[in-house]
């Protein structure tokens, strides 16, 4: 088993689409589509996506459940992740050691976890082992043991990992910033929970969460490999249909109106400066405009932040930006590692570049570079069976359709420089600023100039 997987959600485009009211709207392809990729809703509610390919003997399976950490209630933060990790700790017929041996003896891998938006289980195995491994996958998801001794071990492992993460300045800074950025929205907290809270959880709290999350009618299963859609359907039709209803937590609608500025003191030689903005969901065209804005702003050594703050001004040890897609509100994040005495200049430099995005359109050369950068990263992210299965499942669960990525480059090329400026004007206003570093930063900051003042 793989331990803690790290997921990156990439946004793309559907085969047939209309761009109206700022939303990407797809015409869903009929059941069992062409070109080797198909989708079918099974009798038990599972939405099965199958890409039949003979390019290798690897079969990759991504199972997403439409319930993630964002649907947790107060006092439950981190229970979804802990529950999904416990699926890997044994089933009713196999203890942890037996389960691990059954997987590793075939060279297969099994992993599980959750994001804010969904829970996931993945399987990678060889074609010759797929029938047996798919049956094992069913057992892992729907017949977990929830063994008390394994619970103690898994909880301790997670708590230790969460505490170690706080030793990494950037990770700690991001965890602090997200609280200010999302201000009470479920995205303001880590899907893995806080170590002191997770340490108090008891085993009895996991079964209700498992019953809520691991349900066939909430599942999108995406498979890439040398297996027919009919064979896959026969396997996943064995998943149990839900026999009782479980209330799902409704989505949260929240506006983010107030900017926030905070210094988080930590004994360190280097300061971490993070500036975040809430952005539209991944279903919105403006999200893709801001994805290009981020590429121009701070992705790669030819980006604005790298050239201005590192090469020209010598302010940065590391600098960059990212535009994170979410089913709900996403975010654009600028970050820089710098000497404490340079924080004020770095904050002003980031602010100046944001203001320029809102005032002026990108040049043709800069826009072309941003498009090619994002398109290239997109194609590189589709190279493995697992990555393709993962992205198709995410696109489908987000409501964009499993074929959302097919014309992604065309959509990016359709976005104009004026659209990028408009998206920046609409969304890069209210911001959260987090500075992590030594106590002397408070004195070094002084007063921020003009429009960069925040409460």
Protein backbone atom coordinates (compact mmCIF):
# COMPACT_ATOMS: atom_id res chain seq x y z
CA UNK A 1 0.00 0.00 0.00
CA UNK A 2 1.20 3.50 -0.81
CA UNK A 3 0.73 5.52 2.36
CA UNK A 4 -0.52 9.05 1.89
CA UNK A 5 -1.19 9.82 -1.75
CA UNK A 6 -1.01 13.42 -2.98
CA UNK A 7 -3.61 14.54 -5.47
CA UNK A 8 -3.61 17.36 -7.93
CA UNK A 9 -6.90 18.30 -9.57
CA UNK A 10 -6.56 19.61 -13.11
CA UNK A 11 -9.38 21.35 -14.93
CA UNK A 12 -10.07 20.79 -18.60
CA UNK A 13 -12.87 20.97 -21.15
CA UNK A 14 -15.68 18.84 -22.51
CA UNK A 15 -16.10 17.54 -26.04
CA UNK A 16 -19.28 19.46 -26.77
CA UNK A 17 -19.81 22.65 -24.81
CA UNK A 18 -21.48 25.98 -24.56
CA UNK A 19 -19.97 28.88 -22.63
CA UNK A 20 -22.92 30.74 -21.17
CA UNK A 21 -23.29 32.83 -18.03
CA UNK A 22 -19.65 32.17 -17.30
CA UNK A 23 -20.15 28.44 -16.81
CA UNK A 24 -18.67 25.54 -18.75
CA UNK A 25 -21.71 23.45 -19.77
CA UNK A 26 -21.31 20.07 -21.43
CA UNK A 27 -23.46 17.91 -23.65
CA UNK A 28 -23.08 14.51 -22.02
CA UNK A 29 -21.96 11.73 -24.34
CA UNK A 30 -24.30 8.75 -24.67
CA UNK A 31 -23.72 5.51 -22.78
CA UNK A 32 -20.78 3.48 -24.09
CA UNK A 33 -19.15 6.27 -26.05
CA UNK A 34 -16.70 5.99 -28.93
CA UNK A 35 -12.89 6.09 -29.13
CA UNK A 36 -12.32 3.55 -26.39
CA UNK A 37 -13.84 5.54 -23.51
CA UNK A 38 -17.32 4.85 -22.21
CA UNK A 39 -19.65 5.58 -19.32
CA UNK A 40 -22.56 3.64 -17.86
CA UNK A 41 -24.69 3.98 -14.76
CA UNK A 42 -25.07 0.54 -13.19
CA UNK A 43 -28.16 -0.76 -11.43
CA UNK A 44 -26.58 -0.16 -8.00
CA UNK A 45 -25.96 3.51 -8.85
CA UNK A 46 -22.25 3.27 -9.64
CA UNK A 47 -21.20 5.54 -12.51
CA UNK A 48 -18.62 3.47 -14.36
CA UNK A 49 -16.15 5.08 -16.76
CA UNK A 50 -14.01 2.68 -18.79
CA UNK A 51 -11.06 3.44 -21.05
CA UNK A 52 -10.03 0.25 -22.82
CA UNK A 53 -6.40 0.40 -23.90
CA UNK A 54 -3.86 -2.25 -24.86
CA UNK A 55 -0.83 0.03 -24.62
CA UNK A 56 0.32 -1.76 -21.44
CA UNK A 57 -0.75 -4.46 -19.00
CA UNK A 58 -1.55 -2.09 -16.14
CA UNK A 59 -5.11 -1.68 -14.89
CA UNK A 60 -5.73 1.49 -12.87
CA UNK A 61 -8.93 2.05 -10.90
CA UNK A 62 -10.03 5.29 -9.25
CA UNK A 63 -13.11 5.20 -7.00
CA UNK A 64 -14.42 8.61 -5.95
CA UNK A 65 -17.27 9.08 -3.49
CA UNK A 66 -19.21 12.32 -3.57
CA UNK A 67 -18.59 13.17 0.06
CA UNK A 68 -15.36 14.62 1.38
CA UNK A 69 -13.97 16.48 4.37
CA UNK A 70 -16.02 19.58 3.57
CA UNK A 71 -19.19 17.72 4.57
CA UNK A 72 -17.92 16.92 8.07
CA UNK A 73 -19.79 18.40 11.02
CA UNK A 74 -18.25 20.20 13.97
CA UNK A 75 -16.38 17.75 16.16
CA UNK A 76 -15.75 15.41 13.23
CA UNK A 77 -12.95 17.21 11.40
CA UNK A 78 -10.52 14.58 10.13
CA UNK A 79 -12.85 11.60 10.62
CA UNK A 80 -13.35 11.10 6.87
CA UNK A 81 -9.62 10.78 6.26
CA UNK A 82 -9.17 8.48 9.26
CA UNK A 83 -12.10 6.34 8.10
CA UNK A 84 -10.70 5.96 4.58
CA UNK A 85 -7.28 5.06 5.93
CA UNK A 86 -8.86 2.37 8.12
CA UNK A 87 -10.19 0.64 5.00
CA UNK A 88 -6.58 -0.37 4.33
CA UNK A 89 -6.18 -1.90 7.80
CA UNK A 90 -8.04 -5.15 7.17
CA UNK A 91 -11.40 -6.60 6.19
CA UNK A 92 -13.80 -8.99 7.85
CA UNK A 93 -11.99 -11.95 6.27
CA UNK A 94 -8.41 -10.61 6.16
CA UNK A 95 -6.37 -8.97 8.89
CA UNK A 96 -3.93 -6.19 8.03
CA UNK A 97 -0.98 -8.48 7.40
CA UNK A 98 -3.00 -10.85 5.20
CA UNK A 99 -4.48 -7.97 3.21
CA UNK A 100 -1.07 -6.38 2.70
CA UNK A 101 0.39 -9.69 1.53
CA UNK A 102 -2.49 -10.24 -0.91
CA UNK A 103 -1.76 -6.88 -2.53
CA UNK A 104 2.03 -6.76 -2.44
CA UNK A 105 2.51 -10.37 -3.58
CA UNK A 106 0.98 -9.31 -6.92
CA UNK A 107 2.99 -6.11 -7.21
CA UNK A 108 -0.26 -4.16 -6.86
CA UNK A 109 -0.94 -0.99 -4.88
CA UNK A 110 -3.99 0.16 -2.95
CA UNK A 111 -4.45 3.63 -1.46
CA UNK A 112 -7.22 5.69 0.13
CA UNK A 113 -7.87 9.15 1.50
CA UNK A 114 -9.99 12.24 0.97
CA UNK A 115 -9.90 15.81 -0.24
CA UNK A 116 -12.25 18.61 0.71
CA UNK A 117 -14.64 17.59 -2.09
CA UNK A 118 -14.55 13.79 -2.26
CA UNK A 119 -13.22 10.58 -0.76
CA UNK A 120 -11.15 8.18 -2.83
CA UNK A 121 -9.78 4.67 -3.11
CA UNK A 122 -7.33 3.71 -5.89
CA UNK A 123 -6.07 0.37 -7.14
CA UNK A 124 -3.26 -0.37 -9.60
CA UNK A 125 -2.56 -3.94 -10.68
CA UNK A 126 -1.63 -6.09 -13.65
CA UNK A 127 -4.26 -7.23 -16.14
CA UNK A 128 -3.81 -10.89 -15.25
CA UNK A 129 -4.55 -10.15 -11.58
CA UNK A 130 -7.41 -7.71 -12.18
CA UNK A 131 -10.41 -10.02 -11.52
CA UNK A 132 -9.07 -11.04 -8.13
CA UNK A 133 -7.91 -7.52 -7.25
CA UNK A 134 -11.28 -5.99 -8.17
CA UNK A 135 -13.00 -8.43 -5.82
CA UNK A 136 -10.52 -7.47 -3.12
CA UNK A 137 -11.27 -3.81 -3.78
CA UNK A 138 -14.97 -4.45 -3.20
CA UNK A 139 -14.21 -6.20 0.07
CA UNK A 140 -11.91 -3.42 1.27
CA UNK A 141 -14.52 -0.73 0.66
CA UNK A 142 -17.67 -2.51 1.82
CA UNK A 143 -16.43 -5.03 4.41
CA UNK A 144 -13.84 -3.22 6.55
CA UNK A 145 -12.84 -4.79 9.83
CA UNK A 146 -12.42 -1.59 11.87
CA UNK A 147 -10.15 -3.57 14.17
CA UNK A 148 -9.50 -1.74 17.50
CA UNK A 149 -5.77 -2.50 17.56
CA UNK A 150 -5.29 -1.33 13.98
CA UNK A 151 -7.30 1.80 14.77
CA UNK A 152 -4.86 2.74 17.52
CA UNK A 153 -1.94 2.24 15.15
CA UNK A 154 -3.46 4.17 12.25
CA UNK A 155 -4.55 7.06 14.44
CA UNK A 156 -1.07 7.32 15.92
CA UNK A 157 0.45 7.29 12.43
CA UNK A 158 -1.80 10.11 11.26
CA UNK A 159 -1.29 12.22 14.37
CA UNK A 160 2.49 11.86 14.08
CA UNK A 161 2.39 12.82 10.39
CA UNK A 162 0.25 15.90 11.12
CA UNK A 163 2.61 17.03 13.86
CA UNK A 164 5.65 16.54 11.62
CA UNK A 165 3.98 18.62 8.92
CA UNK A 166 3.94 21.59 11.30
CA UNK A 167 7.75 21.49 11.28
CA UNK A 168 7.72 22.53 7.60
CA UNK A 169 7.36 26.32 7.39
CA UNK A 170 5.47 26.47 4.10
CA UNK A 171 3.01 23.74 5.12
CA UNK A 172 2.38 25.44 8.45
CA UNK A 173 1.96 28.82 6.76
CA UNK A 174 -0.59 27.41 4.31
CA UNK A 175 -2.60 25.75 7.08
CA UNK A 176 -2.76 29.08 8.89
CA UNK A 177 -3.56 31.08 5.75
CA UNK A 178 -6.44 28.84 4.68
CA UNK A 179 -8.26 29.68 7.92
CA UNK A 180 -8.13 33.38 7.09
CA UNK A 181 -8.71 32.91 3.37
CA UNK A 182 -11.89 30.84 3.69
CA UNK A 183 -13.12 32.38 6.98
CA UNK A 184 -15.37 29.68 8.43
CA UNK A 185 -16.06 27.84 5.16
CA UNK A 186 -15.34 24.07 5.35
CA UNK A 187 -12.33 24.64 3.07
CA UNK A 188 -10.73 26.60 5.91
CA UNK A 189 -9.62 23.39 7.59
CA UNK A 190 -7.28 20.59 6.54
CA UNK A 191 -8.98 17.40 5.26
CA UNK A 192 -6.67 15.40 7.53
CA UNK A 193 -7.77 17.31 10.64
CA UNK A 194 -5.74 18.76 13.48
CA UNK A 195 -3.45 16.40 15.43
CA UNK A 196 -4.79 17.23 18.89
CA UNK A 197 -8.38 16.65 17.74
CA UNK A 198 -7.65 13.46 15.79
CA UNK A 199 -5.86 12.06 18.84
CA UNK A 200 -9.15 12.18 20.79
CA UNK A 201 -11.29 10.29 18.27
CA UNK A 202 -12.72 6.89 19.17
CA UNK A 203 -13.32 3.94 16.85
CA UNK A 204 -17.12 4.05 17.24
CA UNK A 205 -17.20 7.42 15.44
CA UNK A 206 -15.87 5.95 12.19
CA UNK A 207 -18.63 3.52 11.25
CA UNK A 208 -21.33 6.22 10.81
CA UNK A 209 -18.94 8.18 8.60
CA UNK A 210 -18.18 5.06 6.56
CA UNK A 211 -21.89 4.39 6.11
CA UNK A 212 -22.36 7.98 4.88
CA UNK A 213 -19.41 8.08 2.47
CA UNK A 214 -18.89 4.58 1.01
CA UNK A 215 -22.13 4.19 -0.90
CA UNK A 216 -22.52 2.86 -4.43
CA UNK A 217 -24.89 5.64 -5.51
CA UNK A 218 -22.25 8.23 -4.53
CA UNK A 219 -19.47 6.50 -6.48
CA UNK A 220 -17.77 7.36 -9.72
CA UNK A 221 -15.43 4.52 -10.74
CA UNK A 222 -12.97 5.24 -13.53
CA UNK A 223 -10.84 2.42 -14.99
CA UNK A 224 -8.02 2.62 -17.54
CA UNK A 225 -6.52 -0.63 -18.77
CA UNK A 226 -6.79 -3.64 -21.05
CA UNK A 227 -10.24 -4.74 -19.90
CA UNK A 228 -13.56 -4.54 -21.70
CA UNK A 229 -16.32 -2.29 -20.43
CA UNK A 230 -18.62 -5.31 -20.17
CA UNK A 231 -16.17 -7.21 -17.94
CA UNK A 232 -15.74 -4.17 -15.72
CA UNK A 233 -19.49 -3.66 -15.45
CA UNK A 234 -19.91 -7.29 -14.38
CA UNK A 235 -17.38 -6.72 -11.60
CA UNK A 236 -18.71 -3.43 -10.27
CA UNK A 237 -22.32 -4.59 -10.42
CA UNK A 238 -21.35 -6.75 -7.42
CA UNK A 239 -21.03 -3.62 -5.30
CA UNK A 240 -23.97 -3.52 -2.86
CA UNK A 241 -26.82 -1.13 -3.48
CA UNK A 242 -27.62 1.04 -0.48
CA UNK A 243 -30.48 -0.29 1.60
CA UNK A 244 -31.10 2.78 3.77
CA UNK A 245 -30.90 6.49 3.16
CA UNK A 246 -28.28 8.58 4.89
CA UNK A 247 -28.65 12.37 4.95
CA UNK A 248 -25.87 14.19 3.11
CA UNK A 249 -24.70 17.60 4.27
CA UNK A 250 -25.77 20.35 1.87
CA UNK A 251 -23.17 22.52 0.18
CA UNK A 252 -22.14 25.76 1.86
CA UNK A 253 -22.69 29.13 0.21
CA UNK A 254 -20.52 31.84 1.71
CA UNK A 255 -19.17 35.20 0.61
CA UNK A 256 -15.68 36.38 1.51
CA UNK A 257 -15.70 40.14 1.85
CA UNK A 258 -13.00 41.17 4.32
CA UNK A 259 -9.26 41.15 3.76
CA UNK A 260 -7.08 39.69 6.51
CA UNK A 261 -3.46 40.35 7.47
CA UNK A 262 -1.68 38.23 10.08
CA UNK A 263 1.83 37.56 11.35
CA UNK A 264 2.46 34.05 12.70
CA UNK A 265 5.58 33.99 14.82
CA UNK A 266 8.03 31.10 14.45
CA UNK A 267 11.70 30.95 15.30
CA UNK A 268 13.25 30.76 11.84
CA UNK A 269 15.89 32.48 9.74
CA UNK A 270 13.64 32.73 6.68
CA UNK A 271 10.19 34.24 6.41
CA UNK A 272 7.30 32.72 4.48
CA UNK A 273 4.95 35.22 2.86
CA UNK A 274 1.66 33.91 1.45
CA UNK A 275 -0.98 36.02 -0.28
CA UNK A 276 -4.24 34.29 -1.21
CA UNK A 277 -7.40 35.19 -3.12
CA UNK A 278 -10.66 33.23 -3.32
CA UNK A 279 -11.47 32.28 -6.93
CA UNK A 280 -14.46 30.72 -8.75
CA UNK A 281 -15.15 26.95 -8.77
CA UNK A 282 -13.52 24.81 -11.44
CA UNK A 283 -16.79 24.69 -13.38
CA UNK A 284 -16.52 28.40 -14.20
CA UNK A 285 -14.77 29.81 -17.27
CA UNK A 286 -13.20 32.48 -15.08
CA UNK A 287 -11.35 29.73 -13.22
CA UNK A 288 -9.49 28.88 -16.41
CA UNK A 289 -8.78 32.57 -17.07
CA UNK A 290 -7.21 32.79 -13.61
CA UNK A 291 -5.33 29.54 -14.25
CA UNK A 292 -3.61 31.34 -17.13
CA UNK A 293 -3.12 34.43 -14.96
CA UNK A 294 -1.32 32.28 -12.38
CA UNK A 295 0.94 30.78 -15.04
CA UNK A 296 1.94 34.27 -16.19
CA UNK A 297 2.26 35.52 -12.64
CA UNK A 298 4.38 32.95 -10.88
CA UNK A 299 4.77 29.56 -12.56
CA UNK A 300 8.21 28.88 -13.98
CA UNK A 301 11.42 30.89 -14.26
CA UNK A 302 10.02 33.14 -16.99
CA UNK A 303 7.04 34.23 -14.87
CA UNK A 304 6.59 37.76 -13.57
CA UNK A 305 7.22 37.06 -9.89
CA UNK A 306 10.38 35.08 -10.62
CA UNK A 307 11.81 37.74 -12.92
CA UNK A 308 10.84 40.75 -10.78
CA UNK A 309 11.28 39.53 -7.22
CA UNK A 310 14.07 36.99 -7.58
CA UNK A 311 16.15 37.92 -10.63
CA UNK A 312 15.77 41.70 -10.56
CA UNK A 313 15.26 42.57 -6.89
CA UNK A 314 17.00 39.60 -5.25
CA UNK A 315 14.21 39.24 -2.68
CA UNK A 316 13.37 35.56 -3.00
CA UNK A 317 14.86 32.23 -2.06
CA UNK A 318 11.80 30.70 -3.68
CA UNK A 319 8.79 32.33 -5.30
CA UNK A 320 5.73 31.21 -7.24
CA UNK A 321 1.97 31.05 -7.58
CA UNK A 322 -0.73 28.44 -8.11
CA UNK A 323 -4.42 28.42 -8.96
CA UNK A 324 -6.17 25.59 -7.14
CA UNK A 325 -9.41 24.18 -8.60
CA UNK A 326 -12.18 23.11 -6.26
CA UNK A 327 -15.78 22.00 -6.67
CA UNK A 328 -16.58 25.04 -4.53
CA UNK A 329 -14.52 28.23 -4.25
CA UNK A 330 -10.91 27.75 -5.29
CA UNK A 331 -7.96 30.01 -4.62
CA UNK A 332 -5.02 31.74 -6.25
CA UNK A 333 -1.97 31.67 -4.00
CA UNK A 334 1.25 33.69 -4.31
CA UNK A 335 4.13 32.64 -2.09
CA UNK A 336 7.69 33.73 -1.45
CA UNK A 337 10.44 32.63 0.91
CA UNK A 338 12.63 35.58 1.80
CA UNK A 339 14.75 37.18 4.51
CA UNK A 340 12.67 38.76 7.30
CA UNK A 341 13.93 42.25 6.48
CA UNK A 342 12.66 41.86 2.89
CA UNK A 343 9.07 40.90 3.70
CA UNK A 344 7.60 44.38 3.27
CA UNK A 345 9.28 44.86 -0.11
CA UNK A 346 8.20 41.37 -1.20
CA UNK A 347 4.58 42.04 -0.19
CA UNK A 348 4.60 45.32 -2.10
CA UNK A 349 6.14 43.55 -5.12
CA UNK A 350 3.44 40.86 -5.18
CA UNK A 351 0.77 43.51 -4.78
CA UNK A 352 2.19 45.50 -7.67
CA UNK A 353 2.09 42.48 -9.98
CA UNK A 354 -1.52 41.72 -8.99
CA UNK A 355 -2.51 45.31 -9.66
CA UNK A 356 -0.83 45.17 -13.06
CA UNK A 357 -2.87 42.07 -13.97
CA UNK A 358 -6.01 44.02 -13.12
CA UNK A 359 -4.95 47.16 -14.99
CA UNK A 360 -3.25 45.89 -18.15
CA UNK A 361 -3.79 42.96 -20.50
CA UNK A 362 -1.06 40.37 -21.06
CA UNK A 363 1.07 40.81 -24.15
CA UNK A 364 0.61 38.32 -26.98
CA UNK A 365 3.97 36.75 -26.12
CA UNK A 366 3.17 36.44 -22.43
CA UNK A 367 -0.28 35.01 -23.09
CA UNK A 368 1.12 32.44 -25.52
CA UNK A 369 3.76 31.42 -23.00
CA UNK A 370 1.09 30.98 -20.27
CA UNK A 371 -1.12 28.88 -22.56
CA UNK A 372 1.70 26.62 -23.68
CA UNK A 373 2.92 26.18 -20.11
CA UNK A 374 -0.51 25.08 -18.82
CA UNK A 375 -1.21 22.88 -21.84
CA UNK A 376 2.17 21.20 -21.51
CA UNK A 377 1.66 20.53 -17.81
CA UNK A 378 -1.80 19.15 -18.56
CA UNK A 379 -0.51 16.65 -21.13
CA UNK A 380 2.36 15.55 -18.88
CA UNK A 381 -0.16 14.86 -16.12
CA UNK A 382 -2.05 12.38 -18.35
CA UNK A 383 0.82 9.97 -19.02
CA UNK A 384 -0.09 7.11 -16.68
CA UNK A 385 -3.18 4.92 -16.51
CA UNK A 386 -3.78 6.01 -12.92
CA UNK A 387 -3.56 9.73 -13.69
CA UNK A 388 -6.00 9.38 -16.58
CA UNK A 389 -8.46 7.37 -14.50
CA UNK A 390 -8.17 9.87 -11.66
CA UNK A 391 -8.82 12.93 -13.77
CA UNK A 392 -11.78 11.40 -15.61
CA UNK A 393 -13.36 10.55 -12.25
CA UNK A 394 -12.81 14.07 -10.90
CA UNK A 395 -14.24 15.72 -14.01
CA UNK A 396 -17.30 13.48 -13.87
CA UNK A 397 -17.91 14.01 -10.17
CA UNK A 398 -17.57 17.77 -10.57
CA UNK A 399 -20.43 17.63 -13.07
CA UNK A 400 -18.30 18.43 -16.10
CA UNK A 401 -18.40 15.01 -17.75
CA UNK A 402 -15.79 12.30 -18.03
CA UNK A 403 -14.63 13.67 -21.41
CA UNK A 404 -13.97 17.13 -19.96
CA UNK A 405 -10.27 17.07 -20.83
CA UNK A 406 -10.55 16.17 -24.50
CA UNK A 407 -10.49 19.72 -25.84
CA UNK A 408 -8.80 21.47 -22.91
CA UNK A 409 -6.08 23.07 -25.07
CA UNK A 410 -8.73 24.55 -27.36
CA UNK A 411 -10.53 26.16 -24.45
CA UNK A 412 -7.34 27.68 -23.09
CA UNK A 413 -6.54 29.10 -26.51
CA UNK A 414 -10.03 30.61 -26.67
CA UNK A 415 -9.48 32.71 -23.55
CA UNK A 416 -8.37 36.24 -24.40
CA UNK A 417 -6.08 38.59 -22.56
CA UNK A 418 -9.04 40.86 -21.82
CA UNK A 419 -10.88 37.93 -20.18
CA UNK A 420 -7.88 37.34 -17.93
CA UNK A 421 -7.84 41.01 -16.92
CA UNK A 422 -11.58 40.94 -16.27
CA UNK A 423 -11.29 37.81 -14.09
CA UNK A 424 -8.44 39.43 -12.15
CA UNK A 425 -10.53 42.55 -11.59
CA UNK A 426 -13.49 40.47 -10.42
CA UNK A 427 -11.64 38.17 -8.02
CA UNK A 428 -8.18 39.47 -7.04
CA UNK A 429 -9.39 42.08 -4.57
CA UNK A 430 -10.20 40.66 -1.16
CA UNK A 431 -7.05 38.88 0.03
CA UNK A 432 -5.57 37.05 2.97
CA UNK A 433 -1.94 37.70 3.87
CA UNK A 434 0.03 35.42 6.19
CA UNK A 435 3.62 36.09 7.20
CA UNK A 436 5.38 33.32 9.09
CA UNK A 437 8.75 34.11 10.65
CA UNK A 438 10.61 35.51 13.66
CA UNK A 439 9.02 38.02 16.03
CA UNK A 440 11.19 40.81 14.62
CA UNK A 441 9.01 40.79 11.48
CA UNK A 442 6.30 42.76 13.32
CA UNK A 443 8.69 45.66 13.81
CA UNK A 444 10.23 45.32 10.36
CA UNK A 445 6.85 45.52 8.63
CA UNK A 446 6.03 49.07 9.73
CA UNK A 447 3.00 50.31 7.81
CA UNK A 448 2.10 48.91 4.44
CA UNK A 449 1.86 51.41 1.59
CA UNK A 450 -1.43 52.64 0.17
CA UNK A 451 -3.67 49.98 -1.33
CA UNK A 452 -1.70 47.15 0.29
CA UNK A 453 -2.96 48.04 3.78
CA UNK A 454 -5.15 45.29 5.20
CA UNK A 455 -6.89 45.10 8.59
